[in-house]
């Protein structure tokens, strides 16, 4: 990261604060001036708001933007028990309300947080303006991967309310604008054959295309120089996509 951008990042995250949502507090960092929509950056599984340090300073120059730490991560308090997807979504909604942030929101979800973004829109449909899916997980992924490698985990045994069950398909659709940024560089799994790795890569890319087709305004974009962490490998792609979505 360039020194000037690094300094901007440090200044931005100096503004993070703990906000009470009842019996717990969550850390949130909101920067930029109020605008017609607010970008909400949702980090992937086990990740924190720091993942967005290469993007949030630039995004804040053209719109309001918030990143946060989910319960039990970063500076946020731990939940009493592991959270369900519904509880994670409820936490985010309560946090934004308590922090005084106003909808509509442009939801930017990386990896599993793409699923959280979709569930947020199901729970609070009038508060969402658009979506950016950054190499997002897909509710069908384990089902599709199991079809290729039956020796892998059975999707019916994985738990997690965000997964479709065998024989089902994702039924989520939206009329809002959607941009999908998909990884262009895959990392082969060492315990799998070359053929299986190639099949998994094709399935993942197919699922990214599928997410783009979930909206009549959907766009698929390949991040050719990125692995799974597009916002870290090619932050400019994320910044540009959110500039477009926040301008609609």
C-alpha atoms as a PDB file:
ATOM      1  CA  UNK A   1       0.000   0.000   0.000  1.00  0.00           C
ATOM      2  CA  UNK A   2       1.277   3.491  -0.828  1.00  0.00           C
ATOM      3  CA  UNK A   3       2.329   5.565   2.255  1.00  0.00           C
ATOM      4  CA  UNK A   4      -0.365   8.196   1.692  1.00  0.00           C
ATOM      5  CA  UNK A   5      -3.103   5.582   1.373  1.00  0.00           C
ATOM      6  CA  UNK A   6      -1.775   3.757   4.446  1.00  0.00           C
ATOM      7  CA  UNK A   7      -1.999   6.987   6.448  1.00  0.00           C
ATOM      8  CA  UNK A   8      -5.563   7.550   5.252  1.00  0.00           C
ATOM      9  CA  UNK A   9      -6.395   4.006   6.343  1.00  0.00           C
ATOM     10  CA  UNK A  10      -5.024   4.572   9.834  1.00  0.00           C
ATOM     11  CA  UNK A  11      -6.974   7.805  10.162  1.00  0.00           C
ATOM     12  CA  UNK A  12     -10.172   6.102   9.023  1.00  0.00           C
ATOM     13  CA  UNK A  13      -9.918   3.234  11.470  1.00  0.00           C
ATOM     14  CA  UNK A  14      -9.103   5.633  14.299  1.00  0.00           C
ATOM     15  CA  UNK A  15     -12.800   6.593  14.022  1.00  0.00           C
ATOM     16  CA  UNK A  16     -14.091   3.093  14.806  1.00  0.00           C
ATOM     17  CA  UNK A  17     -16.256   2.895  17.901  1.00  0.00           C
ATOM     18  CA  UNK A  18     -18.097   0.387  20.018  1.00  0.00           C
ATOM     19  CA  UNK A  19     -21.867   0.650  19.795  1.00  0.00           C
ATOM     20  CA  UNK A  20     -24.239  -1.107  22.176  1.00  0.00           C
ATOM     21  CA  UNK A  21     -26.930  -3.325  20.669  1.00  0.00           C
ATOM     22  CA  UNK A  22     -28.332  -4.450  24.000  1.00  0.00           C
ATOM     23  CA  UNK A  23     -26.278  -6.866  26.034  1.00  0.00           C
ATOM     24  CA  UNK A  24     -23.283  -6.603  23.690  1.00  0.00           C
ATOM     25  CA  UNK A  25     -21.298  -4.006  21.798  1.00  0.00           C
ATOM     26  CA  UNK A  26     -20.055  -4.203  18.223  1.00  0.00           C
ATOM     27  CA  UNK A  27     -17.286  -2.199  16.591  1.00  0.00           C
ATOM     28  CA  UNK A  28     -18.228  -0.039  13.607  1.00  0.00           C
ATOM     29  CA  UNK A  29     -16.235   2.415  11.493  1.00  0.00           C
ATOM     30  CA  UNK A  30     -18.239   4.887   9.398  1.00  0.00           C
ATOM     31  CA  UNK A  31     -16.580   7.527   7.254  1.00  0.00           C
ATOM     32  CA  UNK A  32     -17.585   9.939   4.502  1.00  0.00           C
ATOM     33  CA  UNK A  33     -20.406  12.423   4.282  1.00  0.00           C
ATOM     34  CA  UNK A  34     -24.078  11.392   4.307  1.00  0.00           C
ATOM     35  CA  UNK A  35     -25.385  10.697   0.824  1.00  0.00           C
ATOM     36  CA  UNK A  36     -28.426   9.142  -0.833  1.00  0.00           C
ATOM     37  CA  UNK A  37     -27.210   5.649   0.105  1.00  0.00           C
ATOM     38  CA  UNK A  38     -24.668   4.215   2.544  1.00  0.00           C
ATOM     39  CA  UNK A  39     -22.223   1.474   1.580  1.00  0.00           C
ATOM     40  CA  UNK A  40     -21.948  -1.323   4.149  1.00  0.00           C
ATOM     41  CA  UNK A  41     -18.800  -3.460   3.878  1.00  0.00           C
ATOM     42  CA  UNK A  42     -19.259  -7.027   5.146  1.00  0.00           C
ATOM     43  CA  UNK A  43     -16.069  -9.023   5.678  1.00  0.00           C
ATOM     44  CA  UNK A  44     -15.804 -12.740   4.937  1.00  0.00           C
ATOM     45  CA  UNK A  45     -15.797 -15.624   7.401  1.00  0.00           C
ATOM     46  CA  UNK A  46     -13.538 -15.039  10.402  1.00  0.00           C
ATOM     47  CA  UNK A  47     -12.427 -11.688   8.969  1.00  0.00           C
ATOM     48  CA  UNK A  48     -12.719  -8.136  10.316  1.00  0.00           C
ATOM     49  CA  UNK A  49     -13.253  -4.579   9.122  1.00  0.00           C
ATOM     50  CA  UNK A  50      -9.493  -4.290   8.590  1.00  0.00           C
ATOM     51  CA  UNK A  51      -9.943  -6.274   5.352  1.00  0.00           C
ATOM     52  CA  UNK A  52     -11.386  -3.131   3.798  1.00  0.00           C
ATOM     53  CA  UNK A  53      -8.434  -0.865   4.636  1.00  0.00           C
ATOM     54  CA  UNK A  54      -7.435  -0.624   0.970  1.00  0.00           C
ATOM     55  CA  UNK A  55     -10.914   0.391  -0.137  1.00  0.00           C
ATOM     56  CA  UNK A  56     -12.803   2.293   2.563  1.00  0.00           C
ATOM     57  CA  UNK A  57     -10.687   5.500   2.489  1.00  0.00           C
ATOM     58  CA  UNK A  58     -11.310   5.943  -1.239  1.00  0.00           C
ATOM     59  CA  UNK A  59     -14.999   4.976  -1.019  1.00  0.00           C
ATOM     60  CA  UNK A  60     -15.493   7.605   1.689  1.00  0.00           C
ATOM     61  CA  UNK A  61     -14.530  10.343  -0.795  1.00  0.00           C
ATOM     62  CA  UNK A  62     -17.738   9.825  -2.799  1.00  0.00           C
ATOM     63  CA  UNK A  63     -20.278   8.314  -0.383  1.00  0.00           C
ATOM     64  CA  UNK A  64     -20.940   7.346   3.213  1.00  0.00           C
ATOM     65  CA  UNK A  65     -19.395   3.961   4.041  1.00  0.00           C
ATOM     66  CA  UNK A  66     -19.282   1.687   7.082  1.00  0.00           C
ATOM     67  CA  UNK A  67     -17.313  -1.438   7.934  1.00  0.00           C
ATOM     68  CA  UNK A  68     -17.749  -3.422  11.122  1.00  0.00           C
ATOM     69  CA  UNK A  69     -16.619  -6.433  13.141  1.00  0.00           C
ATOM     70  CA  UNK A  70     -19.171  -9.198  13.618  1.00  0.00           C
ATOM     71  CA  UNK A  71     -19.746 -10.515  17.132  1.00  0.00           C
ATOM     72  CA  UNK A  72     -16.686 -12.318  18.473  1.00  0.00           C
ATOM     73  CA  UNK A  73     -14.330 -10.827  15.889  1.00  0.00           C
ATOM     74  CA  UNK A  74     -11.970  -7.861  16.082  1.00  0.00           C
ATOM     75  CA  UNK A  75     -13.059  -5.433  18.775  1.00  0.00           C
ATOM     76  CA  UNK A  76     -16.645  -6.679  19.018  1.00  0.00           C
ATOM     77  CA  UNK A  77     -17.974  -8.549  22.027  1.00  0.00           C
ATOM     78  CA  UNK A  78     -18.420 -12.294  21.825  1.00  0.00           C
ATOM     79  CA  UNK A  79     -21.923 -13.774  21.562  1.00  0.00           C
ATOM     80  CA  UNK A  80     -23.068 -16.183  24.235  1.00  0.00           C
ATOM     81  CA  UNK A  81     -23.352 -18.991  21.653  1.00  0.00           C
ATOM     82  CA  UNK A  82     -22.316 -19.404  17.985  1.00  0.00           C
ATOM     83  CA  UNK A  83     -24.574 -17.269  15.841  1.00  0.00           C
ATOM     84  CA  UNK A  84     -26.968 -18.323  13.123  1.00  0.00           C
ATOM     85  CA  UNK A  85     -27.180 -16.421   9.858  1.00  0.00           C
ATOM     86  CA  UNK A  86     -30.428 -14.819  11.037  1.00  0.00           C
ATOM     87  CA  UNK A  87     -28.754 -13.618  14.242  1.00  0.00           C
ATOM     88  CA  UNK A  88     -25.845 -12.131  12.304  1.00  0.00           C
ATOM     89  CA  UNK A  89     -28.299 -10.242  10.089  1.00  0.00           C
ATOM     90  CA  UNK A  90     -30.287  -9.040  13.118  1.00  0.00           C
ATOM     91  CA  UNK A  91     -27.067  -7.835  14.762  1.00  0.00           C
ATOM     92  CA  UNK A  92     -26.099  -5.820  11.698  1.00  0.00           C
ATOM     93  CA  UNK A  93     -29.496  -4.177  11.453  1.00  0.00           C
ATOM     94  CA  UNK A  94     -29.488  -3.310  15.152  1.00  0.00           C
ATOM     95  CA  UNK A  95     -25.936  -1.963  14.892  1.00  0.00           C
ATOM     96  CA  UNK A  96     -26.716   0.325  11.967  1.00  0.00           C
ATOM     97  CA  UNK A  97     -29.808   1.666  13.722  1.00  0.00           C
ATOM     98  CA  UNK A  98     -27.979   2.227  17.014  1.00  0.00           C
ATOM     99  CA  UNK A  99     -25.081   3.901  15.212  1.00  0.00           C
ATOM    100  CA  UNK A 100     -27.492   6.340  13.549  1.00  0.00           C
ATOM    101  CA  UNK A 101     -26.787   5.182   9.994  1.00  0.00           C
ATOM    102  CA  UNK A 102     -29.653   5.631   7.558  1.00  0.00           C
ATOM    103  CA  UNK A 103     -30.834   3.333   4.761  1.00  0.00           C
ATOM    104  CA  UNK A 104     -30.950   2.605   1.929  1.00  0.00           C
ATOM    105  CA  UNK A 105     -27.776   0.527   2.005  1.00  0.00           C
ATOM    106  CA  UNK A 106     -25.498  -0.706  -0.735  1.00  0.00           C
ATOM    107  CA  UNK A 107     -24.387  -4.059   0.668  1.00  0.00           C
ATOM    108  CA  UNK A 108     -20.883  -5.233  -0.262  1.00  0.00           C
ATOM    109  CA  UNK A 109     -20.303  -8.798   0.903  1.00  0.00           C
ATOM    110  CA  UNK A 110     -17.111 -10.838   0.545  1.00  0.00           C
ATOM    111  CA  UNK A 111     -17.210 -14.651   0.585  1.00  0.00           C
ATOM    112  CA  UNK A 112     -19.817 -15.915   3.072  1.00  0.00           C
ATOM    113  CA  UNK A 113     -20.892 -12.326   3.754  1.00  0.00           C
ATOM    114  CA  UNK A 114     -22.525 -12.319   0.329  1.00  0.00           C
ATOM    115  CA  UNK A 115     -25.012 -14.754   1.834  1.00  0.00           C
ATOM    116  CA  UNK A 116     -25.467 -12.426   4.818  1.00  0.00           C
ATOM    117  CA  UNK A 117     -26.188  -9.578   2.387  1.00  0.00           C
ATOM    118  CA  UNK A 118     -28.847 -11.648   0.609  1.00  0.00           C
ATOM    119  CA  UNK A 119     -30.448 -12.625   3.899  1.00  0.00           C
ATOM    120  CA  UNK A 120     -30.389  -9.002   5.048  1.00  0.00           C
ATOM    121  CA  UNK A 121     -32.357  -8.045   1.947  1.00  0.00           C
ATOM    122  CA  UNK A 122     -34.881 -10.797   2.675  1.00  0.00           C
ATOM    123  CA  UNK A 123     -35.374  -9.529   6.234  1.00  0.00           C
ATOM    124  CA  UNK A 124     -35.305  -5.796   5.452  1.00  0.00           C
ATOM    125  CA  UNK A 125     -36.219  -5.433   1.763  1.00  0.00           C
ATOM    126  CA  UNK A 126     -37.024  -1.719   1.954  1.00  0.00           C
ATOM    127  CA  UNK A 127     -33.578  -0.841   3.314  1.00  0.00           C
ATOM    128  CA  UNK A 128     -31.419  -2.126   0.453  1.00  0.00           C
ATOM    129  CA  UNK A 129     -30.410  -0.177  -2.656  1.00  0.00           C
ATOM    130  CA  UNK A 130     -27.876  -2.434  -4.422  1.00  0.00           C
ATOM    131  CA  UNK A 131     -25.402  -5.278  -3.996  1.00  0.00           C
ATOM    132  CA  UNK A 132     -21.716  -5.885  -4.599  1.00  0.00           C
ATOM    133  CA  UNK A 133     -20.744  -9.551  -4.282  1.00  0.00           C
ATOM    134  CA  UNK A 134     -16.977  -9.923  -3.894  1.00  0.00           C
ATOM    135  CA  UNK A 135     -16.251 -13.536  -4.868  1.00  0.00           C
ATOM    136  CA  UNK A 136     -19.297 -14.429  -2.828  1.00  0.00           C
ATOM    137  CA  UNK A 137     -20.161 -17.800  -1.393  1.00  0.00           C
ATOM    138  CA  UNK A 138     -23.250 -19.368  -2.947  1.00  0.00           C
ATOM    139  CA  UNK A 139     -25.967 -21.278  -1.149  1.00  0.00           C
ATOM    140  CA  UNK A 140     -25.632 -24.154  -3.631  1.00  0.00           C
ATOM    141  CA  UNK A 141     -21.851 -24.483  -3.551  1.00  0.00           C
ATOM    142  CA  UNK A 142     -21.504 -27.510  -1.282  1.00  0.00           C
ATOM    143  CA  UNK A 143     -24.312 -29.311  -3.079  1.00  0.00           C
ATOM    144  CA  UNK A 144     -22.635 -28.720  -6.441  1.00  0.00           C
ATOM    145  CA  UNK A 145     -19.176 -29.649  -5.182  1.00  0.00           C
ATOM    146  CA  UNK A 146     -20.487 -32.858  -3.640  1.00  0.00           C
ATOM    147  CA  UNK A 147     -21.849 -33.876  -7.027  1.00  0.00           C
ATOM    148  CA  UNK A 148     -18.291 -33.702  -8.386  1.00  0.00           C
ATOM    149  CA  UNK A 149     -16.581 -35.234  -5.357  1.00  0.00           C
ATOM    150  CA  UNK A 150     -18.979 -37.564  -3.474  1.00  0.00           C
ATOM    151  CA  UNK A 151     -16.181 -38.393  -1.030  1.00  0.00           C
ATOM    152  CA  UNK A 152     -16.283 -34.834   0.303  1.00  0.00           C
ATOM    153  CA  UNK A 153     -18.595 -33.516   3.025  1.00  0.00           C
ATOM    154  CA  UNK A 154     -22.244 -34.319   2.509  1.00  0.00           C
ATOM    155  CA  UNK A 155     -24.094 -30.989   2.242  1.00  0.00           C
ATOM    156  CA  UNK A 156     -26.907 -32.421   4.310  1.00  0.00           C
ATOM    157  CA  UNK A 157     -24.469 -32.954   7.205  1.00  0.00           C
ATOM    158  CA  UNK A 158     -22.871 -29.495   7.145  1.00  0.00           C
ATOM    159  CA  UNK A 159     -25.627 -27.698   8.995  1.00  0.00           C
ATOM    160  CA  UNK A 160     -25.941 -23.961   8.482  1.00  0.00           C
ATOM    161  CA  UNK A 161     -29.300 -22.492   7.592  1.00  0.00           C
ATOM    162  CA  UNK A 162     -27.773 -20.631   4.646  1.00  0.00           C
ATOM    163  CA  UNK A 163     -27.258 -23.793   2.605  1.00  0.00           C
ATOM    164  CA  UNK A 164     -29.825 -25.288   0.276  1.00  0.00           C
ATOM    165  CA  UNK A 165     -30.695 -28.918   0.879  1.00  0.00           C
ATOM    166  CA  UNK A 166     -30.155 -31.716  -1.647  1.00  0.00           C
ATOM    167  CA  UNK A 167     -32.647 -31.337  -4.476  1.00  0.00           C
ATOM    168  CA  UNK A 168     -33.222 -27.634  -3.781  1.00  0.00           C
ATOM    169  CA  UNK A 169     -31.926 -24.561  -5.596  1.00  0.00           C
ATOM    170  CA  UNK A 170     -31.433 -20.977  -4.504  1.00  0.00           C
ATOM    171  CA  UNK A 171     -34.620 -18.988  -5.138  1.00  0.00           C
ATOM    172  CA  UNK A 172     -33.271 -15.521  -4.273  1.00  0.00           C
ATOM    173  CA  UNK A 173     -33.824 -12.753  -6.832  1.00  0.00           C
ATOM    174  CA  UNK A 174     -33.711  -8.979  -6.708  1.00  0.00           C
ATOM    175  CA  UNK A 175     -34.676  -6.027  -8.879  1.00  0.00           C
ATOM    176  CA  UNK A 176     -31.798  -3.978  -7.444  1.00  0.00           C
ATOM    177  CA  UNK A 177     -28.499  -3.474  -9.237  1.00  0.00           C
ATOM    178  CA  UNK A 178     -25.944  -6.245  -8.648  1.00  0.00           C
ATOM    179  CA  UNK A 179     -22.249  -6.348  -9.502  1.00  0.00           C
ATOM    180  CA  UNK A 180     -20.329  -9.596  -9.023  1.00  0.00           C
ATOM    181  CA  UNK A 181     -16.529  -9.510  -8.825  1.00  0.00           C
ATOM    182  CA  UNK A 182     -15.159 -13.019  -9.344  1.00  0.00           C
ATOM    183  CA  UNK A 183     -11.643 -14.256  -8.709  1.00  0.00           C
ATOM    184  CA  UNK A 184      -9.475 -14.759 -11.788  1.00  0.00           C
ATOM    185  CA  UNK A 185      -6.794 -16.831 -10.046  1.00  0.00           C
ATOM    186  CA  UNK A 186      -7.747 -20.030  -8.269  1.00  0.00           C
ATOM    187  CA  UNK A 187      -5.709 -21.804  -5.616  1.00  0.00           C
ATOM    188  CA  UNK A 188      -5.742 -25.601  -6.125  1.00  0.00           C
ATOM    189  CA  UNK A 189      -6.423 -27.719  -3.064  1.00  0.00           C
ATOM    190  CA  UNK A 190      -3.441 -30.054  -2.465  1.00  0.00           C
ATOM    191  CA  UNK A 191      -5.626 -32.967  -1.356  1.00  0.00           C
ATOM    192  CA  UNK A 192      -7.609 -33.016  -4.617  1.00  0.00           C
ATOM    193  CA  UNK A 193      -6.754 -34.239  -8.095  1.00  0.00           C
ATOM    194  CA  UNK A 194      -6.075 -31.812 -10.915  1.00  0.00           C
ATOM    195  CA  UNK A 195      -9.363 -32.835 -12.529  1.00  0.00           C
ATOM    196  CA  UNK A 196     -11.351 -32.217  -9.353  1.00  0.00           C
ATOM    197  CA  UNK A 197      -9.649 -28.875  -8.771  1.00  0.00           C
ATOM    198  CA  UNK A 198     -10.487 -27.823 -12.320  1.00  0.00           C
ATOM    199  CA  UNK A 199     -14.111 -28.918 -11.856  1.00  0.00           C
ATOM    200  CA  UNK A 200     -14.353 -27.003  -8.586  1.00  0.00           C
ATOM    201  CA  UNK A 201     -12.987 -23.866 -10.272  1.00  0.00           C
ATOM    202  CA  UNK A 202     -15.567 -24.161 -13.059  1.00  0.00           C
ATOM    203  CA  UNK A 203     -18.386 -24.613 -10.557  1.00  0.00           C
ATOM    204  CA  UNK A 204     -17.287 -21.604  -8.509  1.00  0.00           C
ATOM    205  CA  UNK A 205     -17.183 -19.432 -11.624  1.00  0.00           C
ATOM    206  CA  UNK A 206     -20.574 -20.753 -12.760  1.00  0.00           C
ATOM    207  CA  UNK A 207     -22.028 -19.804  -9.384  1.00  0.00           C
ATOM    208  CA  UNK A 208     -20.606 -16.273  -9.675  1.00  0.00           C
ATOM    209  CA  UNK A 209     -22.321 -15.949 -13.054  1.00  0.00           C
ATOM    210  CA  UNK A 210     -25.507 -17.279 -11.465  1.00  0.00           C
ATOM    211  CA  UNK A 211     -25.471 -14.534  -8.823  1.00  0.00           C
ATOM    212  CA  UNK A 212     -25.175 -11.883 -11.526  1.00  0.00           C
ATOM    213  CA  UNK A 213     -28.226 -13.369 -13.255  1.00  0.00           C
ATOM    214  CA  UNK A 214     -30.305 -12.998 -10.091  1.00  0.00           C
ATOM    215  CA  UNK A 215     -31.024  -9.401 -11.082  1.00  0.00           C
ATOM    216  CA  UNK A 216     -32.132  -7.871 -14.399  1.00  0.00           C
ATOM    217  CA  UNK A 217     -29.438  -5.289 -13.615  1.00  0.00           C
ATOM    218  CA  UNK A 218     -26.772  -7.873 -12.773  1.00  0.00           C
ATOM    219  CA  UNK A 219     -23.179  -7.608 -13.993  1.00  0.00           C
ATOM    220  CA  UNK A 220     -20.406 -10.198 -13.818  1.00  0.00           C
ATOM    221  CA  UNK A 221     -16.819  -8.927 -13.785  1.00  0.00           C
ATOM    222  CA  UNK A 222     -13.705 -11.092 -13.696  1.00  0.00           C
ATOM    223  CA  UNK A 223     -10.895  -9.863 -11.442  1.00  0.00           C
ATOM    224  CA  UNK A 224      -8.110 -11.329 -13.547  1.00  0.00           C
ATOM    225  CA  UNK A 225      -5.279 -10.588 -11.117  1.00  0.00           C
ATOM    226  CA  UNK A 226      -7.117 -11.627  -7.960  1.00  0.00           C
ATOM    227  CA  UNK A 227      -7.571 -14.667  -5.839  1.00  0.00           C
ATOM    228  CA  UNK A 228     -10.478 -14.964  -3.414  1.00  0.00           C
ATOM    229  CA  UNK A 229      -9.650 -11.621  -1.730  1.00  0.00           C
ATOM    230  CA  UNK A 230     -10.430  -9.294  -4.634  1.00  0.00           C
ATOM    231  CA  UNK A 231     -10.728  -6.266  -2.331  1.00  0.00           C
ATOM    232  CA  UNK A 232      -7.127  -6.817  -1.245  1.00  0.00           C
ATOM    233  CA  UNK A 233      -5.610  -7.955  -4.554  1.00  0.00           C
ATOM    234  CA  UNK A 234      -7.395  -5.435  -6.797  1.00  0.00           C
ATOM    235  CA  UNK A 235      -9.036  -2.841  -4.540  1.00  0.00           C
ATOM    236  CA  UNK A 236      -9.609  -0.447  -7.437  1.00  0.00           C
ATOM    237  CA  UNK A 237     -12.188  -2.853  -8.883  1.00  0.00           C
ATOM    238  CA  UNK A 238     -14.174  -2.749  -5.653  1.00  0.00           C
ATOM    239  CA  UNK A 239     -13.912   1.026  -5.412  1.00  0.00           C
ATOM    240  CA  UNK A 240     -15.100   1.517  -8.997  1.00  0.00           C
ATOM    241  CA  UNK A 241     -18.003  -0.916  -8.599  1.00  0.00           C
ATOM    242  CA  UNK A 242     -19.203   0.844  -5.454  1.00  0.00           C
ATOM    243  CA  UNK A 243     -18.824   4.227  -7.105  1.00  0.00           C
ATOM    244  CA  UNK A 244     -21.227   3.036  -9.808  1.00  0.00           C
ATOM    245  CA  UNK A 245     -23.683   1.392  -7.434  1.00  0.00           C
ATOM    246  CA  UNK A 246     -23.828   4.341  -5.033  1.00  0.00           C
ATOM    247  CA  UNK A 247     -24.486   6.724  -7.927  1.00  0.00           C
ATOM    248  CA  UNK A 248     -27.640   4.894  -9.067  1.00  0.00           C
END
